[in-house]
Amino acid sequence: MKLNKIISRTGLFFLLSTPLIMVSCDKDEKTEPANTITDVVVNNENFSTLEAAVLKANLQGTLSGAGPFTVFAPDNAAFTASGITGTTLNSLTQAQAANIILYHAIGSKIMAADVPAGPNAKVVTASGDSVFVTKNANGVFVNGIKVNTADVAADNGVVHVVGRVIMPPTGNIVETAVASRLDSLVKAVTRATTAPGGDPTLANTLSTARLTVFAPTNAAFTQLLGALSLTDINQIPISTLLAVLRYHVVAGRAFSSDLSNGSLAMLAGGNTTISLTTGATIRGNGNSGNASNITATNIMCRNGVVHLIDRVLLP
């Protein structure tokens, strides 16, 4: 059932086809917005998945309210690119869907021209979590995700169309690694933290400091073990394991929109090389010509951001 039909039946706003009857009123009485953000979503077939998500979240009335609001709106292609299907949406509870939708909404009107250039500006969303917006020569970004179409007008705010779904953080960097089933990385961090000769502060640092982590996948660790003629992470000398893990961490929150071609300084010392010319890769000094592909970007954590890579970086 289409969103505008459901809204009209629940009395959340008047149908545009209803004749307008002029009556006398107090001059401070406000007129209901006629073309709301809800209308923008309903009337654009490219927002059909977003419409379904808003319905699932039961937020259609909120987005047709007085506002003002800024909504970063993923179109259908953005949901597909993010791997979110109708089945995924159906599996969510109303509260889970609402948390995702509200993470895309800000309780004020922010035009593209108002977005600051330079470092990411922290903005609190309607969900209570924060997003980070920035503007550079390549456009406007939120959490590193590009705004494809800016300043779509609505009577109660503005819509910016984004190329991905902006997922709220679910935990700190270590918790996110666990939730993302990066089992090998979690095992490596645990061993490097608890084993004799390890760094007992490592896991806590990854959980509390503001950081960016280029996180190797399980397959990346399997490839490394094969190259070292080993069969288990526990066989890697602890000093080597610590040096390798620290070489995947950057100070501060660096979204994909903050990366550029050239050298990238790692927190523990040494540099990696970023290339964005064909795809996106990062290469450690010890990787020779074997660069690692950055396979997923901008995974939000409460204390930073994670990018997935398919090869372990070697200092």
C-alpha atoms as a PDB file:
ATOM      1  CA  MET A   1       0.000   0.000   0.000  1.00  0.00           C
ATOM      2  CA  LYS A   2       1.436   3.371  -0.961  1.00  0.00           C
ATOM      3  CA  LEU A   3       2.592   5.668   1.765  1.00  0.00           C
ATOM      4  CA  ASN A   4       0.385   8.639   0.845  1.00  0.00           C
ATOM      5  CA  LYS A   5      -2.746   6.464   0.987  1.00  0.00           C
ATOM      6  CA  ILE A   6      -1.866   5.199   4.431  1.00  0.00           C
ATOM      7  CA  ILE A   7      -1.142   8.700   5.702  1.00  0.00           C
ATOM      8  CA  SER A   8      -4.420  10.080   4.391  1.00  0.00           C
ATOM      9  CA  ARG A   9      -6.350   7.295   6.106  1.00  0.00           C
ATOM     10  CA  THR A  10      -4.730   7.975   9.434  1.00  0.00           C
ATOM     11  CA  GLY A  11      -5.356  11.686   9.180  1.00  0.00           C
ATOM     12  CA  LEU A  12      -1.691  12.646   9.292  1.00  0.00           C
ATOM     13  CA  PHE A  13      -2.076  15.238   6.577  1.00  0.00           C
ATOM     14  CA  PHE A  14      -4.722  16.389   4.075  1.00  0.00           C
ATOM     15  CA  LEU A  15      -4.693  14.980   0.574  1.00  0.00           C
ATOM     16  CA  LEU A  16      -3.564  17.527  -1.954  1.00  0.00           C
ATOM     17  CA  SER A  17      -6.707  16.811  -3.961  1.00  0.00           C
ATOM     18  CA  THR A  18      -8.966  18.090  -1.152  1.00  0.00           C
ATOM     19  CA  PRO A  19     -10.457  21.510  -2.030  1.00  0.00           C
ATOM     20  CA  LEU A  20      -8.986  24.345  -0.022  1.00  0.00           C
ATOM     21  CA  ILE A  21     -11.654  26.177   2.020  1.00  0.00           C
ATOM     22  CA  MET A  22     -10.711  29.654   3.203  1.00  0.00           C
ATOM     23  CA  VAL A  23     -11.864  30.511   6.691  1.00  0.00           C
ATOM     24  CA  SER A  24     -11.078  33.390   8.983  1.00  0.00           C
ATOM     25  CA  CYS A  25      -8.435  32.615  11.582  1.00  0.00           C
ATOM     26  CA  ASP A  26      -6.109  34.239  14.015  1.00  0.00           C
ATOM     27  CA  LYS A  27      -3.224  35.805  12.178  1.00  0.00           C
ATOM     28  CA  ASP A  28      -0.686  33.787  14.168  1.00  0.00           C
ATOM     29  CA  GLU A  29      -2.271  30.464  13.143  1.00  0.00           C
ATOM     30  CA  LYS A  30       0.158  28.393  11.074  1.00  0.00           C
ATOM     31  CA  THR A  31      -0.665  26.764   7.752  1.00  0.00           C
ATOM     32  CA  GLU A  32       0.240  23.107   7.436  1.00  0.00           C
ATOM     33  CA  PRO A  33       3.099  22.499   4.959  1.00  0.00           C
ATOM     34  CA  ALA A  34       1.722  21.418   1.578  1.00  0.00           C
ATOM     35  CA  ASN A  35       4.781  19.737   0.062  1.00  0.00           C
ATOM     36  CA  THR A  36       6.462  17.913   2.916  1.00  0.00           C
ATOM     37  CA  ILE A  37       9.477  15.661   2.983  1.00  0.00           C
ATOM     38  CA  THR A  38       7.020  12.771   3.126  1.00  0.00           C
ATOM     39  CA  ASP A  39       5.489  14.039  -0.126  1.00  0.00           C
ATOM     40  CA  VAL A  40       8.938  14.283  -1.738  1.00  0.00           C
ATOM     41  CA  VAL A  41       9.561  10.623  -0.880  1.00  0.00           C
ATOM     42  CA  VAL A  42       6.108   9.433  -1.944  1.00  0.00           C
ATOM     43  CA  ASN A  43       6.084  11.268  -5.260  1.00  0.00           C
ATOM     44  CA  ASN A  44       9.493  10.029  -6.448  1.00  0.00           C
ATOM     45  CA  GLU A  45       9.505   6.424  -7.662  1.00  0.00           C
ATOM     46  CA  ASN A  46      13.255   6.288  -6.994  1.00  0.00           C
ATOM     47  CA  PHE A  47      12.473   6.477  -3.276  1.00  0.00           C
ATOM     48  CA  SER A  48      10.181   3.442  -3.132  1.00  0.00           C
ATOM     49  CA  THR A  49      12.529   1.484  -0.850  1.00  0.00           C
ATOM     50  CA  LEU A  50      12.949   4.503   1.416  1.00  0.00           C
ATOM     51  CA  GLU A  51       9.172   4.835   1.462  1.00  0.00           C
ATOM     52  CA  ALA A  52       8.887   1.219   2.616  1.00  0.00           C
ATOM     53  CA  ALA A  53      11.489   1.861   5.311  1.00  0.00           C
ATOM     54  CA  VAL A  54       9.656   4.958   6.552  1.00  0.00           C
ATOM     55  CA  LEU A  55       6.433   2.959   6.709  1.00  0.00           C
ATOM     56  CA  LYS A  56       8.205   0.171   8.597  1.00  0.00           C
ATOM     57  CA  ALA A  57       9.482   2.775  11.057  1.00  0.00           C
ATOM     58  CA  ASN A  58       6.036   4.442  11.298  1.00  0.00           C
ATOM     59  CA  LEU A  59       7.665   7.850  10.779  1.00  0.00           C
ATOM     60  CA  GLN A  60       5.501   9.132   7.934  1.00  0.00           C
ATOM     61  CA  GLY A  61       3.735  11.551  10.288  1.00  0.00           C
ATOM     62  CA  THR A  62       6.998  12.872  11.692  1.00  0.00           C
ATOM     63  CA  LEU A  63       8.398  13.699   8.253  1.00  0.00           C
ATOM     64  CA  SER A  64       5.197  15.511   7.291  1.00  0.00           C
ATOM     65  CA  GLY A  65       5.355  17.657  10.433  1.00  0.00           C
ATOM     66  CA  ALA A  66       6.229  21.342  10.667  1.00  0.00           C
ATOM     67  CA  GLY A  67       9.995  20.807  10.850  1.00  0.00           C
ATOM     68  CA  PRO A  68      12.286  22.185   9.724  1.00  0.00           C
ATOM     69  CA  PHE A  69      14.190  19.017   8.872  1.00  0.00           C
ATOM     70  CA  THR A  70      17.177  18.014   6.817  1.00  0.00           C
ATOM     71  CA  VAL A  71      16.944  14.459   5.490  1.00  0.00           C
ATOM     72  CA  PHE A  72      19.799  12.613   3.795  1.00  0.00           C
ATOM     73  CA  ALA A  73      17.675  10.376   1.607  1.00  0.00           C
ATOM     74  CA  PRO A  74      19.040   7.153   0.068  1.00  0.00           C
ATOM     75  CA  ASP A  75      17.395   6.369  -3.259  1.00  0.00           C
ATOM     76  CA  ASN A  76      16.690   2.841  -4.474  1.00  0.00           C
ATOM     77  CA  ALA A  77      20.181   2.514  -5.959  1.00  0.00           C
ATOM     78  CA  ALA A  78      21.676   3.513  -2.599  1.00  0.00           C
ATOM     79  CA  PHE A  79      19.780   0.747  -0.804  1.00  0.00           C
ATOM     80  CA  THR A  80      20.961  -1.757  -3.417  1.00  0.00           C
ATOM     81  CA  ALA A  81      24.565  -0.543  -3.139  1.00  0.00           C
ATOM     82  CA  SER A  82      24.329  -0.936   0.642  1.00  0.00           C
ATOM     83  CA  GLY A  83      23.032  -4.516   0.332  1.00  0.00           C
ATOM     84  CA  ILE A  84      19.681  -3.661   1.913  1.00  0.00           C
ATOM     85  CA  THR A  85      16.763  -5.413   0.247  1.00  0.00           C
ATOM     86  CA  GLY A  86      13.050  -5.628   0.938  1.00  0.00           C
ATOM     87  CA  THR A  87      13.742  -8.846   2.814  1.00  0.00           C
ATOM     88  CA  THR A  88      16.255  -7.012   4.991  1.00  0.00           C
ATOM     89  CA  LEU A  89      13.717  -4.308   5.793  1.00  0.00           C
ATOM     90  CA  ASN A  90      11.053  -6.895   6.625  1.00  0.00           C
ATOM     91  CA  SER A  91      13.422  -8.522   9.098  1.00  0.00           C
ATOM     92  CA  LEU A  92      13.801  -5.309  11.099  1.00  0.00           C
ATOM     93  CA  THR A  93      11.649  -4.379  14.045  1.00  0.00           C
ATOM     94  CA  GLN A  94       9.871  -1.024  13.967  1.00  0.00           C
ATOM     95  CA  ALA A  95      12.367   0.341  16.499  1.00  0.00           C
ATOM     96  CA  GLN A  96      15.351  -0.799  14.414  1.00  0.00           C
ATOM     97  CA  ALA A  97      13.920   0.751  11.246  1.00  0.00           C
ATOM     98  CA  ALA A  98      13.124   3.965  13.116  1.00  0.00           C
ATOM     99  CA  ASN A  99      16.679   4.205  14.434  1.00  0.00           C
ATOM    100  CA  ILE A 100      18.056   3.952  10.882  1.00  0.00           C
ATOM    101  CA  ILE A 101      15.620   6.491   9.401  1.00  0.00           C
ATOM    102  CA  LEU A 102      16.093   8.981  12.249  1.00  0.00           C
ATOM    103  CA  TYR A 103      19.876   8.703  11.784  1.00  0.00           C
ATOM    104  CA  HIS A 104      19.297  10.243   8.349  1.00  0.00           C
ATOM    105  CA  ALA A 105      17.334  13.214   9.747  1.00  0.00           C
ATOM    106  CA  ILE A 106      18.457  16.435  11.423  1.00  0.00           C
ATOM    107  CA  GLY A 107      16.116  18.770  13.277  1.00  0.00           C
ATOM    108  CA  SER A 108      17.145  21.880  11.371  1.00  0.00           C
ATOM    109  CA  LYS A 109      17.443  22.977   7.754  1.00  0.00           C
ATOM    110  CA  ILE A 110      20.969  22.633   6.371  1.00  0.00           C
ATOM    111  CA  MET A 111      21.467  23.639   2.750  1.00  0.00           C
ATOM    112  CA  ALA A 112      24.517  22.415   0.850  1.00  0.00           C
ATOM    113  CA  ALA A 113      25.972  25.928   0.974  1.00  0.00           C
ATOM    114  CA  ASP A 114      25.786  25.791   4.794  1.00  0.00           C
ATOM    115  CA  VAL A 115      27.986  22.689   5.060  1.00  0.00           C
ATOM    116  CA  PRO A 116      31.456  23.731   6.225  1.00  0.00           C
ATOM    117  CA  ALA A 117      34.523  23.018   4.156  1.00  0.00           C
ATOM    118  CA  GLY A 118      37.419  21.192   5.729  1.00  0.00           C
ATOM    119  CA  PRO A 119      37.242  18.922   8.780  1.00  0.00           C
ATOM    120  CA  ASN A 120      34.072  16.934   9.357  1.00  0.00           C
ATOM    121  CA  ALA A 121      31.509  18.915  11.353  1.00  0.00           C
ATOM    122  CA  LYS A 122      29.613  16.948  13.998  1.00  0.00           C
ATOM    123  CA  VAL A 123      25.823  17.224  13.798  1.00  0.00           C
ATOM    124  CA  VAL A 124      23.379  15.488  16.152  1.00  0.00           C
ATOM    125  CA  THR A 125      20.643  13.559  14.348  1.00  0.00           C
ATOM    126  CA  ALA A 126      17.044  12.894  15.331  1.00  0.00           C
ATOM    127  CA  SER A 127      18.159   9.473  16.637  1.00  0.00           C
ATOM    128  CA  GLY A 128      20.486  11.101  19.178  1.00  0.00           C
ATOM    129  CA  ASP A 129      23.649   9.846  17.455  1.00  0.00           C
ATOM    130  CA  SER A 130      25.904  12.107  15.413  1.00  0.00           C
ATOM    131  CA  VAL A 131      26.810  12.327  11.750  1.00  0.00           C
ATOM    132  CA  PHE A 132      29.754  14.203  10.301  1.00  0.00           C
ATOM    133  CA  VAL A 133      29.275  16.500   7.320  1.00  0.00           C
ATOM    134  CA  THR A 134      31.892  18.120   5.172  1.00  0.00           C
ATOM    135  CA  LYS A 135      32.344  19.813   1.826  1.00  0.00           C
ATOM    136  CA  ASN A 136      35.383  19.681  -0.426  1.00  0.00           C
ATOM    137  CA  ALA A 137      36.269  19.948  -4.099  1.00  0.00           C
ATOM    138  CA  ASN A 138      34.505  16.644  -4.772  1.00  0.00           C
ATOM    139  CA  GLY A 139      31.171  17.676  -3.242  1.00  0.00           C
ATOM    140  CA  VAL A 140      29.217  17.392  -0.009  1.00  0.00           C
ATOM    141  CA  PHE A 141      29.590  14.307   2.183  1.00  0.00           C
ATOM    142  CA  VAL A 142      27.939  12.863   5.264  1.00  0.00           C
ATOM    143  CA  ASN A 143      29.926  10.178   7.121  1.00  0.00           C
ATOM    144  CA  GLY A 144      32.064  10.005   3.991  1.00  0.00           C
ATOM    145  CA  ILE A 145      29.056   9.223   1.773  1.00  0.00           C
ATOM    146  CA  LYS A 146      28.558  11.575  -1.147  1.00  0.00           C
ATOM    147  CA  VAL A 147      25.462  13.693  -1.629  1.00  0.00           C
ATOM    148  CA  ASN A 148      24.493  12.984  -5.245  1.00  0.00           C
ATOM    149  CA  THR A 149      21.706  15.573  -5.454  1.00  0.00           C
ATOM    150  CA  ALA A 150      21.565  18.446  -2.987  1.00  0.00           C
ATOM    151  CA  ASP A 151      18.883  20.916  -1.909  1.00  0.00           C
ATOM    152  CA  VAL A 152      15.685  19.147  -2.981  1.00  0.00           C
ATOM    153  CA  ALA A 153      13.107  21.592  -1.639  1.00  0.00           C
ATOM    154  CA  ALA A 154      10.282  20.749   0.758  1.00  0.00           C
ATOM    155  CA  ASP A 155       7.995  23.084   2.677  1.00  0.00           C
ATOM    156  CA  ASN A 156       9.203  21.654   5.982  1.00  0.00           C
ATOM    157  CA  GLY A 157      12.913  21.401   5.182  1.00  0.00           C
ATOM    158  CA  VAL A 158      15.300  20.054   2.594  1.00  0.00           C
ATOM    159  CA  VAL A 159      16.310  16.666   1.170  1.00  0.00           C
ATOM    160  CA  HIS A 160      19.799  15.670   0.049  1.00  0.00           C
ATOM    161  CA  VAL A 161      19.953  12.453  -1.999  1.00  0.00           C
ATOM    162  CA  VAL A 162      22.855  10.228  -0.922  1.00  0.00           C
ATOM    163  CA  GLY A 163      24.527   7.269  -2.614  1.00  0.00           C
ATOM    164  CA  ARG A 164      24.467   4.883   0.351  1.00  0.00           C
ATOM    165  CA  VAL A 165      22.373   4.134   3.392  1.00  0.00           C
ATOM    166  CA  ILE A 166      23.954   5.837   6.415  1.00  0.00           C
ATOM    167  CA  MET A 167      24.088   3.169   9.089  1.00  0.00           C
ATOM    168  CA  PRO A 168      24.270   4.277  12.736  1.00  0.00           C
ATOM    169  CA  PRO A 169      27.081   2.979  14.949  1.00  0.00           C
ATOM    170  CA  THR A 170      26.377  -0.149  16.950  1.00  0.00           C
ATOM    171  CA  GLY A 171      29.422  -0.071  19.221  1.00  0.00           C
ATOM    172  CA  ASN A 172      33.079   0.870  19.520  1.00  0.00           C
ATOM    173  CA  ILE A 173      35.726  -0.367  17.090  1.00  0.00           C
ATOM    174  CA  VAL A 174      36.295  -3.702  18.858  1.00  0.00           C
ATOM    175  CA  GLU A 175      32.553  -4.323  19.261  1.00  0.00           C
ATOM    176  CA  THR A 176      32.022  -3.456  15.600  1.00  0.00           C
ATOM    177  CA  ALA A 177      34.726  -5.941  14.578  1.00  0.00           C
ATOM    178  CA  VAL A 178      32.971  -8.629  16.617  1.00  0.00           C
ATOM    179  CA  ALA A 179      29.560  -7.759  15.134  1.00  0.00           C
ATOM    180  CA  SER A 180      31.056  -7.712  11.629  1.00  0.00           C
ATOM    181  CA  ARG A 181      32.414 -11.240  12.169  1.00  0.00           C
ATOM    182  CA  LEU A 182      36.004 -10.166  11.666  1.00  0.00           C
ATOM    183  CA  ASP A 183      36.976 -13.189  13.745  1.00  0.00           C
ATOM    184  CA  SER A 184      40.631 -13.289  12.747  1.00  0.00           C
ATOM    185  CA  LEU A 185      41.166  -9.619  13.571  1.00  0.00           C
ATOM    186  CA  VAL A 186      39.415 -10.025  16.920  1.00  0.00           C
ATOM    187  CA  LYS A 187      41.560 -13.090  17.672  1.00  0.00           C
ATOM    188  CA  ALA A 188      44.724 -11.176  16.724  1.00  0.00           C
ATOM    189  CA  VAL A 189      43.820  -8.189  18.923  1.00  0.00           C
ATOM    190  CA  THR A 190      42.912 -10.447  21.844  1.00  0.00           C
ATOM    191  CA  ARG A 191      46.192 -12.335  21.610  1.00  0.00           C
ATOM    192  CA  ALA A 192      48.242  -9.136  21.187  1.00  0.00           C
ATOM    193  CA  THR A 193      46.515  -7.728  24.286  1.00  0.00           C
ATOM    194  CA  THR A 194      46.653 -10.735  26.633  1.00  0.00           C
ATOM    195  CA  ALA A 195      49.683 -12.822  25.614  1.00  0.00           C
ATOM    196  CA  PRO A 196      53.008 -12.464  27.450  1.00  0.00           C
ATOM    197  CA  GLY A 197      54.995  -9.706  25.806  1.00  0.00           C
ATOM    198  CA  GLY A 198      51.854  -8.159  24.352  1.00  0.00           C
ATOM    199  CA  ASP A 199      50.349  -4.724  24.937  1.00  0.00           C
ATOM    200  CA  PRO A 200      47.678  -4.939  27.674  1.00  0.00           C
ATOM    201  CA  THR A 201      46.304  -1.534  26.629  1.00  0.00           C
ATOM    202  CA  LEU A 202      45.721  -2.384  22.958  1.00  0.00           C
ATOM    203  CA  ALA A 203      42.092  -3.534  23.100  1.00  0.00           C
ATOM    204  CA  ASN A 204      41.146  -0.649  25.396  1.00  0.00           C
ATOM    205  CA  THR A 205      42.820   1.861  23.073  1.00  0.00           C
ATOM    206  CA  LEU A 206      40.886   0.483  20.114  1.00  0.00           C
ATOM    207  CA  SER A 207      37.690   0.713  22.167  1.00  0.00           C
ATOM    208  CA  THR A 208      38.069   4.266  23.476  1.00  0.00           C
ATOM    209  CA  ALA A 209      40.454   6.419  21.415  1.00  0.00           C
ATOM    210  CA  ARG A 210      39.224   8.260  18.320  1.00  0.00           C
ATOM    211  CA  LEU A 211      40.703   6.198  15.520  1.00  0.00           C
ATOM    212  CA  THR A 212      40.408   4.951  11.967  1.00  0.00           C
ATOM    213  CA  VAL A 213      41.149   1.273  11.391  1.00  0.00           C
ATOM    214  CA  PHE A 214      41.850  -0.425   8.083  1.00  0.00           C
ATOM    215  CA  ALA A 215      40.509  -3.816   9.124  1.00  0.00           C
ATOM    216  CA  PRO A 216      41.718  -6.955   7.298  1.00  0.00           C
ATOM    217  CA  THR A 217      39.053  -9.519   6.521  1.00  0.00           C
ATOM    218  CA  ASN A 218      39.281 -13.142   7.626  1.00  0.00           C
ATOM    219  CA  ALA A 219      40.447 -14.063   4.122  1.00  0.00           C
ATOM    220  CA  ALA A 220      43.226 -11.463   4.393  1.00  0.00           C
ATOM    221  CA  PHE A 221      44.578 -13.155   7.524  1.00  0.00           C
ATOM    222  CA  THR A 222      44.337 -16.562   5.840  1.00  0.00           C
ATOM    223  CA  GLN A 223      46.421 -15.211   2.960  1.00  0.00           C
ATOM    224  CA  LEU A 224      49.000 -13.827   5.401  1.00  0.00           C
ATOM    225  CA  LEU A 225      49.323 -17.132   7.250  1.00  0.00           C
ATOM    226  CA  GLY A 226      49.866 -18.916   3.952  1.00  0.00           C
ATOM    227  CA  ALA A 227      52.592 -16.453   2.971  1.00  0.00           C
ATOM    228  CA  LEU A 228      54.304 -17.047   6.328  1.00  0.00           C
ATOM    229  CA  SER A 229      53.894 -20.846   6.069  1.00  0.00           C
ATOM    230  CA  LEU A 230      51.845 -20.806   9.269  1.00  0.00           C
ATOM    231  CA  THR A 231      48.447 -22.248  10.076  1.00  0.00           C
ATOM    232  CA  ASP A 232      47.301 -20.194  13.075  1.00  0.00           C
ATOM    233  CA  ILE A 233      47.480 -16.591  14.279  1.00  0.00           C
ATOM    234  CA  ASN A 234      48.850 -17.899  17.580  1.00  0.00           C
ATOM    235  CA  GLN A 235      51.995 -18.948  15.696  1.00  0.00           C
ATOM    236  CA  ILE A 236      52.852 -15.363  14.718  1.00  0.00           C
ATOM    237  CA  PRO A 237      55.544 -13.942  17.046  1.00  0.00           C
ATOM    238  CA  ILE A 238      53.880 -11.500  19.425  1.00  0.00           C
ATOM    239  CA  SER A 239      56.221  -8.623  18.551  1.00  0.00           C
ATOM    240  CA  THR A 240      55.459  -9.102  14.852  1.00  0.00           C
ATOM    241  CA  LEU A 241      51.729  -9.293  15.519  1.00  0.00           C
ATOM    242  CA  LEU A 242      51.766  -6.075  17.555  1.00  0.00           C
ATOM    243  CA  ALA A 243      53.734  -4.211  14.892  1.00  0.00           C
ATOM    244  CA  VAL A 244      51.357  -5.368  12.158  1.00  0.00           C
ATOM    245  CA  LEU A 245      48.176  -4.513  14.073  1.00  0.00           C
ATOM    246  CA  ARG A 246      49.400  -1.025  15.006  1.00  0.00           C
ATOM    247  CA  TYR A 247      50.230  -0.430  11.349  1.00  0.00           C
ATOM    248  CA  HIS A 248      46.508  -0.558  10.496  1.00  0.00           C
ATOM    249  CA  VAL A 249      45.489   2.357  12.713  1.00  0.00           C
ATOM    250  CA  VAL A 250      45.259   6.073  11.873  1.00  0.00           C
ATOM    251  CA  ALA A 251      44.733   8.817  14.430  1.00  0.00           C
ATOM    252  CA  GLY A 252      41.362  10.558  14.262  1.00  0.00           C
ATOM    253  CA  ARG A 253      38.268   9.837  12.196  1.00  0.00           C
ATOM    254  CA  ALA A 254      39.169   9.571   8.482  1.00  0.00           C
ATOM    255  CA  PHE A 255      36.235   8.818   6.193  1.00  0.00           C
ATOM    256  CA  SER A 256      36.775   7.742   2.597  1.00  0.00           C
ATOM    257  CA  SER A 257      36.041  11.361   1.584  1.00  0.00           C
ATOM    258  CA  ASP A 258      39.094  12.426   3.615  1.00  0.00           C
ATOM    259  CA  LEU A 259      41.489  10.091   1.793  1.00  0.00           C
ATOM    260  CA  SER A 260      43.629  11.250  -1.111  1.00  0.00           C
ATOM    261  CA  ASN A 261      46.362   9.850  -3.321  1.00  0.00           C
ATOM    262  CA  GLY A 262      49.733   9.654  -1.623  1.00  0.00           C
ATOM    263  CA  SER A 263      51.248   8.889   1.740  1.00  0.00           C
ATOM    264  CA  LEU A 264      49.127   8.233   4.838  1.00  0.00           C
ATOM    265  CA  ALA A 265      50.806   8.387   8.259  1.00  0.00           C
ATOM    266  CA  MET A 266      49.904   5.530  10.584  1.00  0.00           C
ATOM    267  CA  LEU A 267      49.418   6.102  14.320  1.00  0.00           C
ATOM    268  CA  ALA A 268      52.302   3.896  15.475  1.00  0.00           C
ATOM    269  CA  GLY A 269      54.727   5.300  12.918  1.00  0.00           C
ATOM    270  CA  GLY A 270      55.497   4.596   9.298  1.00  0.00           C
ATOM    271  CA  ASN A 271      53.450   5.421   6.233  1.00  0.00           C
ATOM    272  CA  THR A 272      51.160   3.593   3.863  1.00  0.00           C
ATOM    273  CA  THR A 273      50.323   4.594   0.318  1.00  0.00           C
ATOM    274  CA  ILE A 274      46.776   5.392  -0.774  1.00  0.00           C
ATOM    275  CA  SER A 275      45.739   5.176  -4.425  1.00  0.00           C
ATOM    276  CA  LEU A 276      42.300   6.278  -5.594  1.00  0.00           C
ATOM    277  CA  THR A 277      43.074   6.384  -9.318  1.00  0.00           C
ATOM    278  CA  THR A 278      41.508   3.039 -10.221  1.00  0.00           C
ATOM    279  CA  GLY A 279      39.356   1.840  -7.370  1.00  0.00           C
ATOM    280  CA  ALA A 280      40.683   2.398  -3.854  1.00  0.00           C
ATOM    281  CA  THR A 281      43.791   0.681  -2.501  1.00  0.00           C
ATOM    282  CA  ILE A 282      46.207   0.975   0.392  1.00  0.00           C
ATOM    283  CA  ARG A 283      49.705  -0.494   0.400  1.00  0.00           C
ATOM    284  CA  GLY A 284      52.114  -1.051   3.272  1.00  0.00           C
ATOM    285  CA  ASN A 285      55.860  -0.542   2.902  1.00  0.00           C
ATOM    286  CA  GLY A 286      56.373  -4.287   3.339  1.00  0.00           C
ATOM    287  CA  ASN A 287      53.755  -5.297   0.779  1.00  0.00           C
ATOM    288  CA  SER A 288      56.013  -4.617  -2.221  1.00  0.00           C
ATOM    289  CA  GLY A 289      53.727  -4.186  -5.228  1.00  0.00           C
ATOM    290  CA  ASN A 290      50.810  -6.007  -3.609  1.00  0.00           C
ATOM    291  CA  ALA A 291      48.334  -3.328  -2.628  1.00  0.00           C
ATOM    292  CA  SER A 292      45.256  -4.089  -0.559  1.00  0.00           C
ATOM    293  CA  ASN A 293      41.858  -3.271  -1.983  1.00  0.00           C
ATOM    294  CA  ILE A 294      39.617  -1.195   0.268  1.00  0.00           C
ATOM    295  CA  THR A 295      36.494  -3.305  -0.089  1.00  0.00           C
ATOM    296  CA  ALA A 296      34.088  -1.473   2.230  1.00  0.00           C
ATOM    297  CA  THR A 297      34.267   2.010   3.671  1.00  0.00           C
ATOM    298  CA  ASN A 298      32.819   4.281   6.338  1.00  0.00           C
ATOM    299  CA  ILE A 299      31.607   1.690   8.850  1.00  0.00           C
ATOM    300  CA  MET A 300      30.677   3.980  11.725  1.00  0.00           C
ATOM    301  CA  CYS A 301      31.807   3.186  15.261  1.00  0.00           C
ATOM    302  CA  ARG A 302      31.199   5.169  18.419  1.00  0.00           C
ATOM    303  CA  ASN A 303      34.866   6.049  18.646  1.00  0.00           C
ATOM    304  CA  GLY A 304      35.850   6.180  14.985  1.00  0.00           C
ATOM    305  CA  VAL A 305      35.432   4.532  11.619  1.00  0.00           C
ATOM    306  CA  VAL A 306      36.440   1.225  10.005  1.00  0.00           C
ATOM    307  CA  HIS A 307      37.362   0.458   6.388  1.00  0.00           C
ATOM    308  CA  LEU A 308      37.659  -3.190   5.299  1.00  0.00           C
ATOM    309  CA  ILE A 309      40.702  -4.328   3.321  1.00  0.00           C
ATOM    310  CA  ASP A 310      41.498  -7.645   1.618  1.00  0.00           C
ATOM    311  CA  ARG A 311      45.223  -7.888   2.437  1.00  0.00           C
ATOM    312  CA  VAL A 312      47.055  -7.441   5.727  1.00  0.00           C
ATOM    313  CA  LEU A 313      49.320  -4.370   5.674  1.00  0.00           C
ATOM    314  CA  LEU A 314      52.981  -5.029   6.431  1.00  0.00           C
ATOM    315  CA  PRO A 315      55.206  -2.258   7.865  1.00  0.00           C
END
